[in-house]
Amino acid sequence: MTDDAVEGTTDPSGVPATPRTRARSAALWGLVGGFAFLVLAQGYLLLDGDPPFGYAGLFAIAGGIAVASGGIAYAVEHRLHAKRRT
């Protein structure tokens, strides 16, 4: 068993997150951002039926949003954790 499994997965408040946990969290937020865009795009396609660009463009934009939201999450997570707002 790893130490995380024995001690739990959450850090006690006041302890800074490790770079590995920050990167994992940021990657998950990136996936959430990318998939949220694809869900919104699917809703648009269901209502209107004709995208302004092709499906490859939708996936490219979703990838860009995933990278941007993951980068923003990685950049600001330690600041929010320091202010105990996570």
Protein backbone atom coordinates (compact mmCIF):
# COMPACT_ATOMS: atom_id res chain seq x y z
CA MET A 1 0.00 0.00 0.00
CA THR A 2 1.12 3.51 -0.63
CA ASP A 3 1.27 6.21 1.99
CA ASP A 4 -1.71 7.97 0.37
CA ALA A 5 -3.87 4.86 0.77
CA VAL A 6 -2.94 4.50 4.44
CA GLU A 7 -3.18 8.14 5.45
CA GLY A 8 -6.04 9.16 3.15
CA THR A 9 -6.05 11.21 -0.01
CA THR A 10 -6.59 14.66 1.43
CA ASP A 11 -3.86 16.87 2.80
CA PRO A 12 -4.41 18.44 6.19
CA SER A 13 -5.22 22.12 5.94
CA GLY A 14 -2.18 24.36 5.92
CA VAL A 15 0.08 21.79 4.22
CA PRO A 16 1.04 22.83 0.66
CA ALA A 17 0.17 20.42 -2.11
CA THR A 18 2.99 18.55 -3.80
CA PRO A 19 3.74 19.26 -7.46
CA ARG A 20 2.47 15.80 -8.36
CA THR A 21 -0.94 16.33 -6.75
CA ARG A 22 -1.20 19.82 -8.22
CA ALA A 23 -0.44 18.43 -11.70
CA ARG A 24 -2.99 15.63 -11.28
CA SER A 25 -5.64 18.08 -10.12
CA ALA A 26 -4.87 20.46 -12.98
CA ALA A 27 -5.06 17.64 -15.53
CA LEU A 28 -8.47 16.61 -14.20
CA TRP A 29 -9.72 20.22 -14.32
CA GLY A 30 -8.43 20.39 -17.89
CA LEU A 31 -10.44 17.31 -18.81
CA VAL A 32 -13.51 18.80 -17.15
CA GLY A 33 -13.10 22.01 -19.14
CA GLY A 34 -12.61 20.21 -22.45
CA PHE A 35 -15.53 17.86 -21.94
CA ALA A 36 -17.77 20.71 -20.75
CA PHE A 37 -17.09 22.50 -24.03
CA LEU A 38 -17.92 19.36 -25.99
CA VAL A 39 -21.19 18.98 -24.05
CA LEU A 40 -22.11 22.58 -24.83
CA ALA A 41 -21.20 22.05 -28.48
CA GLN A 42 -23.38 18.93 -28.57
CA GLY A 43 -26.29 20.94 -27.16
CA TYR A 44 -25.74 23.56 -29.84
CA LEU A 45 -25.73 20.88 -32.51
CA LEU A 46 -28.96 19.44 -31.16
CA LEU A 47 -30.70 22.83 -31.16
CA ASP A 48 -29.35 24.38 -34.35
CA GLY A 49 -27.98 21.38 -36.20
CA ASP A 50 -25.21 23.09 -38.19
CA PRO A 51 -21.82 23.91 -36.62
CA PRO A 52 -19.94 26.93 -37.95
CA PHE A 53 -16.89 24.67 -38.43
CA GLY A 54 -16.24 20.95 -38.71
CA TYR A 55 -15.90 18.32 -36.03
CA ALA A 56 -12.12 18.49 -36.20
CA GLY A 57 -12.41 22.16 -35.27
CA LEU A 58 -14.62 21.30 -32.30
CA PHE A 59 -12.05 18.83 -30.97
CA ALA A 60 -9.21 21.29 -31.56
CA ILE A 61 -11.04 23.99 -29.60
CA ALA A 62 -11.87 21.49 -26.84
CA GLY A 63 -8.18 20.58 -26.64
CA GLY A 64 -7.24 24.24 -26.38
CA ILE A 65 -9.78 24.81 -23.65
CA ALA A 66 -8.52 21.73 -21.79
CA VAL A 67 -4.93 22.98 -21.92
CA ALA A 68 -5.94 26.50 -20.87
CA SER A 69 -8.17 25.42 -17.99
CA GLY A 70 -5.57 22.93 -16.78
CA GLY A 71 -2.86 25.59 -16.89
CA ILE A 72 -5.00 28.09 -15.04
CA ALA A 73 -5.92 25.49 -12.43
CA TYR A 74 -2.24 24.63 -11.90
CA ALA A 75 -1.30 28.29 -11.63
CA VAL A 76 -3.90 29.35 -9.09
CA GLU A 77 -4.48 26.22 -7.00
CA HIS A 78 -1.64 26.92 -4.58
CA ARG A 79 -2.92 30.47 -4.05
CA LEU A 80 -6.42 29.26 -3.25
CA HIS A 81 -5.05 26.57 -0.96
CA ALA A 82 -2.95 29.16 0.89
CA LYS A 83 -6.09 31.21 1.49
CA ARG A 84 -7.93 28.02 2.54
CA ARG A 85 -10.59 28.35 -0.15
CA THR A 86 -10.30 24.87 -1.63
